[in-house]
Amino acid sequence: MLFTTKTPTQKRADLAAQLADGKLHQFPGAFNPLCAQLIERKRFDGVYISGAVIAADLCLPDIGIATLDEFVNRGRQICRVTDLPAIIDIDTGFGEAMSAARTVRLMEEAGLAGCHIEDQVMPKRCGHLDGKEIVEASVMVQRVRAASDAKMDSNFCLIARSDARAVEGLEKSIDRMKAYVDAGADMIFPEAMQSEKEFEAIRAAIDVPILANMTEFGKSRLLNKSELESLGFNMVIYPVTTLRLAMGEVNRGLDAILKDGDQNNILDKMQHRKDLYDLLRYEQYNKFDQDLFNFEVTDTPMS
């Protein structure tokens, strides 16, 4: 309500400027709107919204069970509270080419600055698991072309993710990525690379911005910002990091309550109430409310 000062159009323009400046931009994953506001407070460059996290938040595995409406609603909720550009995972587009086009239009309407669509079959699975299946390159090209044609704002960033490295090998996956660029992708997301040399090969072959996925416990070594910048990458996402941090601490905290019978030994692990209220902007909301309702109702007769 009181958070954002930028329109979706302005946020998309900000993202376009980031992708043109030759630097690496960090987009941590937000598992809810409150987390997105904290990411902004920490002065990150943008917010990432993971499909795996949306599913996990619903206590579902990342296999395409969560619905388009649930993705759109979470994207809208997060975009409402931050001036940072936000990009969202749209899995395989929630259908084939026509559905992918509709999904992109809905994400634009929800305020997103971009999205990524992948070349897996449905039901999809986490990109760093074995046993993935991918569609024919021609099918993904149709998805990308339809999604690109559906954009209303030219600055809306359409990201094509390829999971082909694990299925077809690096060279064929690069051929696919080039085809996706030709079909209208603004950025490429090579999933589950296995070494820095593979990242280098992707950068050498692709002439649009490239996204690196630094998810924990996956196929790729966790490269730091300077390493990725030296490799020529433009964006890095940390998709599940904040959720894993939160759930790890919740797990330890619940164990402590079972063991000790109270929370006294875990207070230092918690976000303090004053910090939560500051993040929620209680004071600004209170001032906003007083400015609106600063009248008195009296019994004085009207003249």
C-alpha atoms as a PDB file:
ATOM      1  CA  MET A   1       0.000   0.000   0.000  1.00  0.00           C
ATOM      2  CA  LEU A   2       2.633   2.542   1.034  1.00  0.00           C
ATOM      3  CA  PHE A   3       5.700   0.738  -0.245  1.00  0.00           C
ATOM      4  CA  THR A   4       6.158   1.325  -3.944  1.00  0.00           C
ATOM      5  CA  THR A   5       6.942   4.610  -5.646  1.00  0.00           C
ATOM      6  CA  LYS A   6       7.763   3.154  -9.067  1.00  0.00           C
ATOM      7  CA  THR A   7       5.377   1.879 -11.688  1.00  0.00           C
ATOM      8  CA  PRO A   8       5.902  -1.507 -13.350  1.00  0.00           C
ATOM      9  CA  THR A   9       7.027   0.353 -16.471  1.00  0.00           C
ATOM     10  CA  GLN A  10       9.725   2.163 -14.497  1.00  0.00           C
ATOM     11  CA  LYS A  11      10.893  -1.052 -12.868  1.00  0.00           C
ATOM     12  CA  ARG A  12      11.180  -2.753 -16.247  1.00  0.00           C
ATOM     13  CA  ALA A  13      13.194   0.180 -17.549  1.00  0.00           C
ATOM     14  CA  ASP A  14      15.476  -0.175 -14.505  1.00  0.00           C
ATOM     15  CA  LEU A  15      16.026  -3.839 -15.335  1.00  0.00           C
ATOM     16  CA  ALA A  16      16.791  -3.027 -18.977  1.00  0.00           C
ATOM     17  CA  ALA A  17      19.390  -0.482 -17.820  1.00  0.00           C
ATOM     18  CA  GLN A  18      20.971  -3.044 -15.478  1.00  0.00           C
ATOM     19  CA  LEU A  19      21.305  -5.588 -18.259  1.00  0.00           C
ATOM     20  CA  ALA A  20      23.014  -3.025 -20.491  1.00  0.00           C
ATOM     21  CA  ASP A  21      25.616  -1.779 -18.014  1.00  0.00           C
ATOM     22  CA  GLY A  22      28.051  -4.712 -18.218  1.00  0.00           C
ATOM     23  CA  LYS A  23      27.906  -5.461 -14.482  1.00  0.00           C
ATOM     24  CA  LEU A  24      26.663  -8.469 -12.549  1.00  0.00           C
ATOM     25  CA  HIS A  25      23.359  -7.912 -10.733  1.00  0.00           C
ATOM     26  CA  GLN A  26      22.262  -9.968  -7.719  1.00  0.00           C
ATOM     27  CA  PHE A  27      18.644 -11.110  -7.397  1.00  0.00           C
ATOM     28  CA  PRO A  28      18.006 -13.075  -4.181  1.00  0.00           C
ATOM     29  CA  GLY A  29      14.871 -15.173  -4.031  1.00  0.00           C
ATOM     30  CA  ALA A  30      11.947 -13.853  -1.989  1.00  0.00           C
ATOM     31  CA  PHE A  31       9.712 -16.482  -0.422  1.00  0.00           C
ATOM     32  CA  ASN A  32       7.077 -13.864   0.457  1.00  0.00           C
ATOM     33  CA  PRO A  33       6.468 -10.091   0.174  1.00  0.00           C
ATOM     34  CA  LEU A  34       8.069  -9.355   3.567  1.00  0.00           C
ATOM     35  CA  CYS A  35      11.258 -11.061   2.432  1.00  0.00           C
ATOM     36  CA  ALA A  36      11.182  -8.984  -0.777  1.00  0.00           C
ATOM     37  CA  GLN A  37      11.045  -5.800   1.289  1.00  0.00           C
ATOM     38  CA  LEU A  38      14.093  -6.934   3.268  1.00  0.00           C
ATOM     39  CA  ILE A  39      15.955  -7.656   0.017  1.00  0.00           C
ATOM     40  CA  GLU A  40      15.251  -4.070  -1.039  1.00  0.00           C
ATOM     41  CA  ARG A  41      16.386  -2.728   2.332  1.00  0.00           C
ATOM     42  CA  LYS A  42      19.692  -4.553   1.898  1.00  0.00           C
ATOM     43  CA  ARG A  43      20.133  -2.734  -1.448  1.00  0.00           C
ATOM     44  CA  PHE A  44      20.208  -5.723  -3.742  1.00  0.00           C
ATOM     45  CA  ASP A  45      19.565  -5.116  -7.427  1.00  0.00           C
ATOM     46  CA  GLY A  46      16.336  -7.030  -7.785  1.00  0.00           C
ATOM     47  CA  VAL A  47      14.065  -9.790  -6.524  1.00  0.00           C
ATOM     48  CA  TYR A  48      13.714 -13.310  -7.864  1.00  0.00           C
ATOM     49  CA  ILE A  49      10.544 -15.386  -7.420  1.00  0.00           C
ATOM     50  CA  SER A  50      11.213 -19.111  -7.691  1.00  0.00           C
ATOM     51  CA  GLY A  51       8.635 -21.613  -8.871  1.00  0.00           C
ATOM     52  CA  ALA A  52      10.200 -24.202  -6.595  1.00  0.00           C
ATOM     53  CA  VAL A  53       9.734 -21.857  -3.642  1.00  0.00           C
ATOM     54  CA  ILE A  54       6.131 -21.047  -4.574  1.00  0.00           C
ATOM     55  CA  ALA A  55       5.461 -24.801  -4.656  1.00  0.00           C
ATOM     56  CA  ALA A  56       7.352 -25.461  -1.416  1.00  0.00           C
ATOM     57  CA  ASP A  57       5.452 -22.658   0.325  1.00  0.00           C
ATOM     58  CA  LEU A  58       2.307 -24.594  -0.571  1.00  0.00           C
ATOM     59  CA  CYS A  59       3.965 -27.814   0.700  1.00  0.00           C
ATOM     60  CA  LEU A  60       4.190 -29.154  -2.855  1.00  0.00           C
ATOM     61  CA  PRO A  61       7.168 -30.592  -4.756  1.00  0.00           C
ATOM     62  CA  ASP A  62       8.548 -28.697  -7.744  1.00  0.00           C
ATOM     63  CA  ILE A  63       6.880 -30.873 -10.387  1.00  0.00           C
ATOM     64  CA  GLY A  64       4.384 -28.497 -11.964  1.00  0.00           C
ATOM     65  CA  ILE A  65       1.519 -28.959  -9.511  1.00  0.00           C
ATOM     66  CA  ALA A  66       1.248 -25.315  -8.416  1.00  0.00           C
ATOM     67  CA  THR A  67      -1.120 -23.416 -10.706  1.00  0.00           C
ATOM     68  CA  LEU A  68      -0.797 -20.379 -12.931  1.00  0.00           C
ATOM     69  CA  ASP A  69      -3.101 -18.401 -10.632  1.00  0.00           C
ATOM     70  CA  GLU A  70      -0.905 -19.198  -7.631  1.00  0.00           C
ATOM     71  CA  PHE A  71       2.185 -18.005  -9.509  1.00  0.00           C
ATOM     72  CA  VAL A  72       0.498 -14.811 -10.713  1.00  0.00           C
ATOM     73  CA  ASN A  73      -0.847 -14.020  -7.252  1.00  0.00           C
ATOM     74  CA  ARG A  74       2.520 -14.466  -5.576  1.00  0.00           C
ATOM     75  CA  GLY A  75       4.204 -12.353  -8.245  1.00  0.00           C
ATOM     76  CA  ARG A  76       1.642  -9.580  -7.806  1.00  0.00           C
ATOM     77  CA  GLN A  77       1.945  -9.657  -4.010  1.00  0.00           C
ATOM     78  CA  ILE A  78       5.710  -9.243  -4.187  1.00  0.00           C
ATOM     79  CA  CYS A  79       5.699  -6.574  -6.903  1.00  0.00           C
ATOM     80  CA  ARG A  80       3.312  -4.468  -4.807  1.00  0.00           C
ATOM     81  CA  VAL A  81       5.811  -4.051  -1.976  1.00  0.00           C
ATOM     82  CA  THR A  82       9.103  -3.280  -3.696  1.00  0.00           C
ATOM     83  CA  ASP A  83      10.558  -0.745  -6.106  1.00  0.00           C
ATOM     84  CA  LEU A  84      13.081  -3.327  -7.270  1.00  0.00           C
ATOM     85  CA  PRO A  85      12.500  -5.122 -10.552  1.00  0.00           C
ATOM     86  CA  ALA A  86      11.224  -8.644  -9.936  1.00  0.00           C
ATOM     87  CA  ILE A  87      11.533 -11.634 -12.242  1.00  0.00           C
ATOM     88  CA  ILE A  88       9.534 -14.822 -11.872  1.00  0.00           C
ATOM     89  CA  ASP A  89       9.860 -18.456 -12.874  1.00  0.00           C
ATOM     90  CA  ILE A  90       6.970 -19.601 -15.115  1.00  0.00           C
ATOM     91  CA  ASP A  91       8.143 -23.212 -15.504  1.00  0.00           C
ATOM     92  CA  THR A  92       7.163 -24.403 -18.992  1.00  0.00           C
ATOM     93  CA  GLY A  93       4.609 -21.619 -19.504  1.00  0.00           C
ATOM     94  CA  PHE A  94       1.641 -23.551 -18.076  1.00  0.00           C
ATOM     95  CA  GLY A  95       0.943 -25.193 -21.404  1.00  0.00           C
ATOM     96  CA  GLU A  96       2.234 -24.900 -24.920  1.00  0.00           C
ATOM     97  CA  ALA A  97       2.753 -21.813 -27.079  1.00  0.00           C
ATOM     98  CA  MET A  98      -0.618 -20.116 -26.632  1.00  0.00           C
ATOM     99  CA  SER A  99      -0.590 -20.715 -22.878  1.00  0.00           C
ATOM    100  CA  ALA A 100       2.945 -19.341 -22.648  1.00  0.00           C
ATOM    101  CA  ALA A 101       1.790 -16.175 -24.401  1.00  0.00           C
ATOM    102  CA  ARG A 102      -1.108 -15.746 -21.969  1.00  0.00           C
ATOM    103  CA  THR A 103       1.179 -16.376 -19.007  1.00  0.00           C
ATOM    104  CA  VAL A 104       3.557 -13.610 -20.110  1.00  0.00           C
ATOM    105  CA  ARG A 105       0.675 -11.182 -20.520  1.00  0.00           C
ATOM    106  CA  LEU A 106      -0.627 -12.026 -17.035  1.00  0.00           C
ATOM    107  CA  MET A 107       2.821 -11.534 -15.516  1.00  0.00           C
ATOM    108  CA  GLU A 108       3.131  -8.132 -17.157  1.00  0.00           C
ATOM    109  CA  GLU A 109      -0.272  -7.162 -15.789  1.00  0.00           C
ATOM    110  CA  ALA A 110       0.826  -8.319 -12.307  1.00  0.00           C
ATOM    111  CA  GLY A 111       3.783  -5.911 -12.379  1.00  0.00           C
ATOM    112  CA  LEU A 112       6.671  -8.281 -13.046  1.00  0.00           C
ATOM    113  CA  ALA A 113       9.772  -7.022 -14.847  1.00  0.00           C
ATOM    114  CA  GLY A 114      10.535 -10.356 -16.465  1.00  0.00           C
ATOM    115  CA  CYS A 115      10.102 -14.123 -16.388  1.00  0.00           C
ATOM    116  CA  HIS A 116      11.893 -17.265 -17.465  1.00  0.00           C
ATOM    117  CA  ILE A 117      10.438 -20.182 -19.380  1.00  0.00           C
ATOM    118  CA  GLU A 118      12.129 -23.558 -19.743  1.00  0.00           C
ATOM    119  CA  ASP A 119      12.435 -26.373 -22.264  1.00  0.00           C
ATOM    120  CA  GLN A 120      11.466 -29.271 -20.021  1.00  0.00           C
ATOM    121  CA  VAL A 121       8.445 -31.481 -20.581  1.00  0.00           C
ATOM    122  CA  MET A 122       5.601 -31.510 -18.099  1.00  0.00           C
ATOM    123  CA  PRO A 123       5.591 -32.592 -15.366  1.00  0.00           C
ATOM    124  CA  LYS A 124       8.881 -30.733 -14.947  1.00  0.00           C
ATOM    125  CA  ARG A 125      11.355 -31.210 -12.129  1.00  0.00           C
ATOM    126  CA  CYS A 126      14.020 -29.202 -10.349  1.00  0.00           C
ATOM    127  CA  GLY A 127      16.758 -28.265 -12.794  1.00  0.00           C
ATOM    128  CA  HIS A 128      19.514 -29.755 -10.637  1.00  0.00           C
ATOM    129  CA  LEU A 129      17.946 -33.214 -10.340  1.00  0.00           C
ATOM    130  CA  ASP A 130      18.751 -36.148 -12.589  1.00  0.00           C
ATOM    131  CA  GLY A 131      16.243 -37.730 -14.948  1.00  0.00           C
ATOM    132  CA  LYS A 132      14.970 -34.543 -16.601  1.00  0.00           C
ATOM    133  CA  GLU A 133      13.230 -34.706 -19.964  1.00  0.00           C
ATOM    134  CA  ILE A 134      13.238 -31.897 -22.496  1.00  0.00           C
ATOM    135  CA  VAL A 135      10.987 -31.047 -25.422  1.00  0.00           C
ATOM    136  CA  GLU A 136      12.184 -30.881 -28.993  1.00  0.00           C
ATOM    137  CA  ALA A 137      14.002 -27.629 -29.713  1.00  0.00           C
ATOM    138  CA  SER A 138      11.274 -26.657 -32.191  1.00  0.00           C
ATOM    139  CA  VAL A 139       8.642 -26.867 -29.452  1.00  0.00           C
ATOM    140  CA  MET A 140      10.613 -24.565 -27.167  1.00  0.00           C
ATOM    141  CA  VAL A 141      11.219 -22.162 -30.046  1.00  0.00           C
ATOM    142  CA  GLN A 142       7.441 -21.944 -30.478  1.00  0.00           C
ATOM    143  CA  ARG A 143       7.024 -21.251 -26.746  1.00  0.00           C
ATOM    144  CA  VAL A 144       9.635 -18.508 -26.815  1.00  0.00           C
ATOM    145  CA  ARG A 145       8.317 -16.892 -29.987  1.00  0.00           C
ATOM    146  CA  ALA A 146       4.745 -16.874 -28.677  1.00  0.00           C
ATOM    147  CA  ALA A 147       5.858 -15.489 -25.313  1.00  0.00           C
ATOM    148  CA  SER A 148       7.939 -12.779 -27.001  1.00  0.00           C
ATOM    149  CA  ASP A 149       5.101 -11.773 -29.314  1.00  0.00           C
ATOM    150  CA  ALA A 150       2.770 -11.467 -26.312  1.00  0.00           C
ATOM    151  CA  LYS A 151       4.841  -8.775 -24.595  1.00  0.00           C
ATOM    152  CA  MET A 152       3.219  -5.356 -24.339  1.00  0.00           C
ATOM    153  CA  ASP A 153       6.273  -3.622 -22.850  1.00  0.00           C
ATOM    154  CA  SER A 154       9.469  -4.056 -24.854  1.00  0.00           C
ATOM    155  CA  ASN A 155      11.450  -3.818 -21.589  1.00  0.00           C
ATOM    156  CA  PHE A 156       9.717  -6.870 -20.143  1.00  0.00           C
ATOM    157  CA  CYS A 157      12.599  -9.356 -20.027  1.00  0.00           C
ATOM    158  CA  LEU A 158      11.843 -12.760 -21.497  1.00  0.00           C
ATOM    159  CA  ILE A 159      14.420 -15.271 -20.282  1.00  0.00           C
ATOM    160  CA  ALA A 160      14.791 -18.648 -21.985  1.00  0.00           C
ATOM    161  CA  ARG A 161      16.047 -21.364 -19.663  1.00  0.00           C
ATOM    162  CA  SER A 162      17.595 -24.498 -21.117  1.00  0.00           C
ATOM    163  CA  ASP A 163      17.862 -27.731 -19.168  1.00  0.00           C
ATOM    164  CA  ALA A 164      19.444 -29.463 -22.163  1.00  0.00           C
ATOM    165  CA  ARG A 165      23.001 -29.631 -20.747  1.00  0.00           C
ATOM    166  CA  ALA A 166      22.131 -32.632 -18.585  1.00  0.00           C
ATOM    167  CA  VAL A 167      20.275 -34.407 -21.399  1.00  0.00           C
ATOM    168  CA  GLU A 168      22.041 -33.593 -24.673  1.00  0.00           C
ATOM    169  CA  GLY A 169      25.425 -32.250 -23.570  1.00  0.00           C
ATOM    170  CA  LEU A 170      26.930 -28.783 -23.715  1.00  0.00           C
ATOM    171  CA  GLU A 171      27.319 -28.282 -27.474  1.00  0.00           C
ATOM    172  CA  LYS A 172      23.732 -29.189 -28.335  1.00  0.00           C
ATOM    173  CA  SER A 173      22.457 -27.109 -25.425  1.00  0.00           C
ATOM    174  CA  ILE A 174      24.336 -24.096 -26.833  1.00  0.00           C
ATOM    175  CA  ASP A 175      22.720 -24.688 -30.233  1.00  0.00           C
ATOM    176  CA  ARG A 176      19.348 -24.655 -28.512  1.00  0.00           C
ATOM    177  CA  MET A 177      20.106 -21.431 -26.664  1.00  0.00           C
ATOM    178  CA  LYS A 178      21.093 -19.714 -29.897  1.00  0.00           C
ATOM    179  CA  ALA A 179      17.782 -20.790 -31.419  1.00  0.00           C
ATOM    180  CA  TYR A 180      15.922 -19.395 -28.409  1.00  0.00           C
ATOM    181  CA  VAL A 181      17.642 -16.034 -28.862  1.00  0.00           C
ATOM    182  CA  ASP A 182      16.652 -16.027 -32.526  1.00  0.00           C
ATOM    183  CA  ALA A 183      13.065 -16.729 -31.442  1.00  0.00           C
ATOM    184  CA  GLY A 184      12.966 -13.617 -29.244  1.00  0.00           C
ATOM    185  CA  ALA A 185      14.560 -14.411 -25.874  1.00  0.00           C
ATOM    186  CA  ASP A 186      16.090 -11.320 -24.260  1.00  0.00           C
ATOM    187  CA  MET A 187      18.273 -13.340 -21.890  1.00  0.00           C
ATOM    188  CA  ILE A 188      19.523 -16.908 -21.599  1.00  0.00           C
ATOM    189  CA  PHE A 189      19.454 -19.058 -18.451  1.00  0.00           C
ATOM    190  CA  PRO A 190      21.753 -22.091 -18.815  1.00  0.00           C
ATOM    191  CA  GLU A 191      20.690 -24.478 -16.070  1.00  0.00           C
ATOM    192  CA  ALA A 192      22.928 -26.887 -14.131  1.00  0.00           C
ATOM    193  CA  MET A 193      26.296 -26.076 -15.633  1.00  0.00           C
ATOM    194  CA  GLN A 194      29.000 -28.323 -14.210  1.00  0.00           C
ATOM    195  CA  SER A 195      32.131 -26.146 -14.322  1.00  0.00           C
ATOM    196  CA  GLU A 196      33.429 -22.635 -14.879  1.00  0.00           C
ATOM    197  CA  LYS A 197      34.602 -23.727 -18.347  1.00  0.00           C
ATOM    198  CA  GLU A 198      31.004 -24.455 -19.269  1.00  0.00           C
ATOM    199  CA  PHE A 199      29.944 -21.019 -18.090  1.00  0.00           C
ATOM    200  CA  GLU A 200      32.768 -19.574 -20.206  1.00  0.00           C
ATOM    201  CA  ALA A 201      31.616 -21.531 -23.268  1.00  0.00           C
ATOM    202  CA  ILE A 202      28.058 -20.242 -22.884  1.00  0.00           C
ATOM    203  CA  ARG A 203      29.268 -16.650 -22.586  1.00  0.00           C
ATOM    204  CA  ALA A 204      31.459 -16.993 -25.666  1.00  0.00           C
ATOM    205  CA  ALA A 205      28.601 -18.400 -27.734  1.00  0.00           C
ATOM    206  CA  ILE A 206      25.669 -16.199 -26.674  1.00  0.00           C
ATOM    207  CA  ASP A 207      25.417 -12.479 -27.433  1.00  0.00           C
ATOM    208  CA  VAL A 208      22.527 -11.545 -25.125  1.00  0.00           C
ATOM    209  CA  PRO A 209      22.628 -11.182 -21.316  1.00  0.00           C
ATOM    210  CA  ILE A 210      23.081 -14.419 -19.366  1.00  0.00           C
ATOM    211  CA  LEU A 211      21.735 -15.479 -15.966  1.00  0.00           C
ATOM    212  CA  ALA A 212      23.567 -17.745 -13.517  1.00  0.00           C
ATOM    213  CA  ASN A 213      21.689 -19.868 -11.002  1.00  0.00           C
ATOM    214  CA  MET A 214      23.613 -20.231  -7.744  1.00  0.00           C
ATOM    215  CA  THR A 215      21.328 -22.620  -5.935  1.00  0.00           C
ATOM    216  CA  GLU A 216      22.687 -24.577  -2.991  1.00  0.00           C
ATOM    217  CA  PHE A 217      23.282 -28.339  -3.161  1.00  0.00           C
ATOM    218  CA  GLY A 218      23.103 -28.386  -6.969  1.00  0.00           C
ATOM    219  CA  LYS A 219      25.299 -29.321  -9.923  1.00  0.00           C
ATOM    220  CA  SER A 220      27.214 -26.033 -10.039  1.00  0.00           C
ATOM    221  CA  ARG A 221      29.871 -24.848  -7.613  1.00  0.00           C
ATOM    222  CA  LEU A 222      28.717 -21.754  -5.746  1.00  0.00           C
ATOM    223  CA  LEU A 223      30.624 -19.034  -7.573  1.00  0.00           C
ATOM    224  CA  ASN A 224      30.945 -15.647  -5.908  1.00  0.00           C
ATOM    225  CA  LYS A 225      30.034 -12.307  -7.408  1.00  0.00           C
ATOM    226  CA  SER A 226      33.524 -11.422  -8.629  1.00  0.00           C
ATOM    227  CA  GLU A 227      33.930 -14.810 -10.311  1.00  0.00           C
ATOM    228  CA  LEU A 228      30.631 -14.505 -12.153  1.00  0.00           C
ATOM    229  CA  GLU A 229      31.395 -10.940 -13.136  1.00  0.00           C
ATOM    230  CA  SER A 230      34.739 -12.009 -14.581  1.00  0.00           C
ATOM    231  CA  LEU A 231      32.932 -14.697 -16.564  1.00  0.00           C
ATOM    232  CA  GLY A 232      30.782 -11.988 -18.135  1.00  0.00           C
ATOM    233  CA  PHE A 233      27.451 -12.916 -16.573  1.00  0.00           C
ATOM    234  CA  ASN A 234      24.809 -10.230 -16.147  1.00  0.00           C
ATOM    235  CA  MET A 235      22.547 -11.602 -13.409  1.00  0.00           C
ATOM    236  CA  VAL A 236      22.781 -14.145 -10.616  1.00  0.00           C
ATOM    237  CA  ILE A 237      19.839 -15.589  -8.740  1.00  0.00           C
ATOM    238  CA  TYR A 238      19.854 -17.235  -5.307  1.00  0.00           C
ATOM    239  CA  PRO A 239      16.451 -18.895  -5.663  1.00  0.00           C
ATOM    240  CA  VAL A 240      15.887 -20.913  -2.483  1.00  0.00           C
ATOM    241  CA  THR A 241      18.474 -19.376  -0.142  1.00  0.00           C
ATOM    242  CA  THR A 242      16.138 -17.262   1.973  1.00  0.00           C
ATOM    243  CA  LEU A 243      13.584 -20.055   2.343  1.00  0.00           C
ATOM    244  CA  ARG A 244      16.292 -22.507   3.388  1.00  0.00           C
ATOM    245  CA  LEU A 245      17.666 -20.025   5.913  1.00  0.00           C
ATOM    246  CA  ALA A 246      14.207 -19.387   7.362  1.00  0.00           C
ATOM    247  CA  MET A 247      13.135 -23.029   7.534  1.00  0.00           C
ATOM    248  CA  GLY A 248      16.483 -24.078   8.976  1.00  0.00           C
ATOM    249  CA  GLU A 249      16.085 -21.628  11.843  1.00  0.00           C
ATOM    250  CA  VAL A 250      12.415 -22.552  12.357  1.00  0.00           C
ATOM    251  CA  ASN A 251      13.418 -26.195  12.618  1.00  0.00           C
ATOM    252  CA  ARG A 252      16.089 -25.440  15.222  1.00  0.00           C
ATOM    253  CA  GLY A 253      13.749 -23.145  17.128  1.00  0.00           C
ATOM    254  CA  LEU A 254      10.963 -25.697  17.367  1.00  0.00           C
ATOM    255  CA  ASP A 255      13.452 -28.265  18.633  1.00  0.00           C
ATOM    256  CA  ALA A 256      14.557 -25.816  21.322  1.00  0.00           C
ATOM    257  CA  ILE A 257      10.981 -25.260  22.492  1.00  0.00           C
ATOM    258  CA  LEU A 258      10.433 -29.019  22.732  1.00  0.00           C
ATOM    259  CA  LYS A 259      13.686 -29.400  24.685  1.00  0.00           C
ATOM    260  CA  ASP A 260      13.508 -26.353  26.969  1.00  0.00           C
ATOM    261  CA  GLY A 261       9.791 -25.743  27.240  1.00  0.00           C
ATOM    262  CA  ASP A 262      10.108 -22.059  26.312  1.00  0.00           C
ATOM    263  CA  GLN A 263      11.773 -19.650  23.852  1.00  0.00           C
ATOM    264  CA  ASN A 264      14.236 -17.992  26.214  1.00  0.00           C
ATOM    265  CA  ASN A 265      17.324 -19.597  24.683  1.00  0.00           C
ATOM    266  CA  ILE A 266      16.424 -18.707  21.097  1.00  0.00           C
ATOM    267  CA  LEU A 267      15.437 -15.045  21.398  1.00  0.00           C
ATOM    268  CA  ASP A 268      18.758 -13.993  19.871  1.00  0.00           C
ATOM    269  CA  LYS A 269      17.910 -16.056  16.767  1.00  0.00           C
ATOM    270  CA  MET A 270      14.707 -14.130  16.140  1.00  0.00           C
ATOM    271  CA  GLN A 271      13.963 -10.951  14.270  1.00  0.00           C
ATOM    272  CA  HIS A 272      13.084  -8.467  17.018  1.00  0.00           C
ATOM    273  CA  ARG A 273       9.572  -7.055  17.036  1.00  0.00           C
ATOM    274  CA  LYS A 274      10.893  -3.515  16.566  1.00  0.00           C
ATOM    275  CA  ASP A 275      12.793  -4.605  13.455  1.00  0.00           C
ATOM    276  CA  LEU A 276       9.705  -6.318  12.074  1.00  0.00           C
ATOM    277  CA  TYR A 277       7.615  -3.199  12.705  1.00  0.00           C
ATOM    278  CA  ASP A 278      10.262  -1.068  11.044  1.00  0.00           C
ATOM    279  CA  LEU A 279      10.253  -3.335   7.982  1.00  0.00           C
ATOM    280  CA  LEU A 280       6.446  -3.208   7.900  1.00  0.00           C
ATOM    281  CA  ARG A 281       6.545   0.610   8.220  1.00  0.00           C
ATOM    282  CA  TYR A 282       4.091   0.729  11.092  1.00  0.00           C
ATOM    283  CA  GLU A 283       4.938   4.363  11.813  1.00  0.00           C
ATOM    284  CA  GLN A 284       4.311   5.486   8.232  1.00  0.00           C
ATOM    285  CA  TYR A 285       0.992   3.636   8.126  1.00  0.00           C
ATOM    286  CA  ASN A 286      -0.022   5.269  11.394  1.00  0.00           C
ATOM    287  CA  LYS A 287       0.852   8.718  10.039  1.00  0.00           C
ATOM    288  CA  PHE A 288      -1.003   7.963   6.814  1.00  0.00           C
ATOM    289  CA  ASP A 289      -4.059   6.945   8.816  1.00  0.00           C
ATOM    290  CA  GLN A 290      -3.936  10.076  11.009  1.00  0.00           C
ATOM    291  CA  ASP A 291      -3.556  12.346   7.985  1.00  0.00           C
ATOM    292  CA  LEU A 292      -6.683  10.859   6.465  1.00  0.00           C
ATOM    293  CA  PHE A 293      -8.810  10.673   9.591  1.00  0.00           C
ATOM    294  CA  ASN A 294      -7.915  13.875  11.430  1.00  0.00           C
ATOM    295  CA  PHE A 295     -11.469  15.126  11.917  1.00  0.00           C
ATOM    296  CA  GLU A 296     -13.787  15.032  14.897  1.00  0.00           C
ATOM    297  CA  VAL A 297     -17.489  14.232  14.957  1.00  0.00           C
ATOM    298  CA  THR A 298     -19.333  16.641  17.301  1.00  0.00           C
ATOM    299  CA  ASP A 299     -22.912  17.305  18.298  1.00  0.00           C
ATOM    300  CA  THR A 300     -22.773  20.889  17.054  1.00  0.00           C
ATOM    301  CA  PRO A 301     -25.789  21.537  14.808  1.00  0.00           C
ATOM    302  CA  MET A 302     -24.992  22.226  11.185  1.00  0.00           C
ATOM    303  CA  SER A 303     -25.750  25.784  10.045  1.00  0.00           C
END
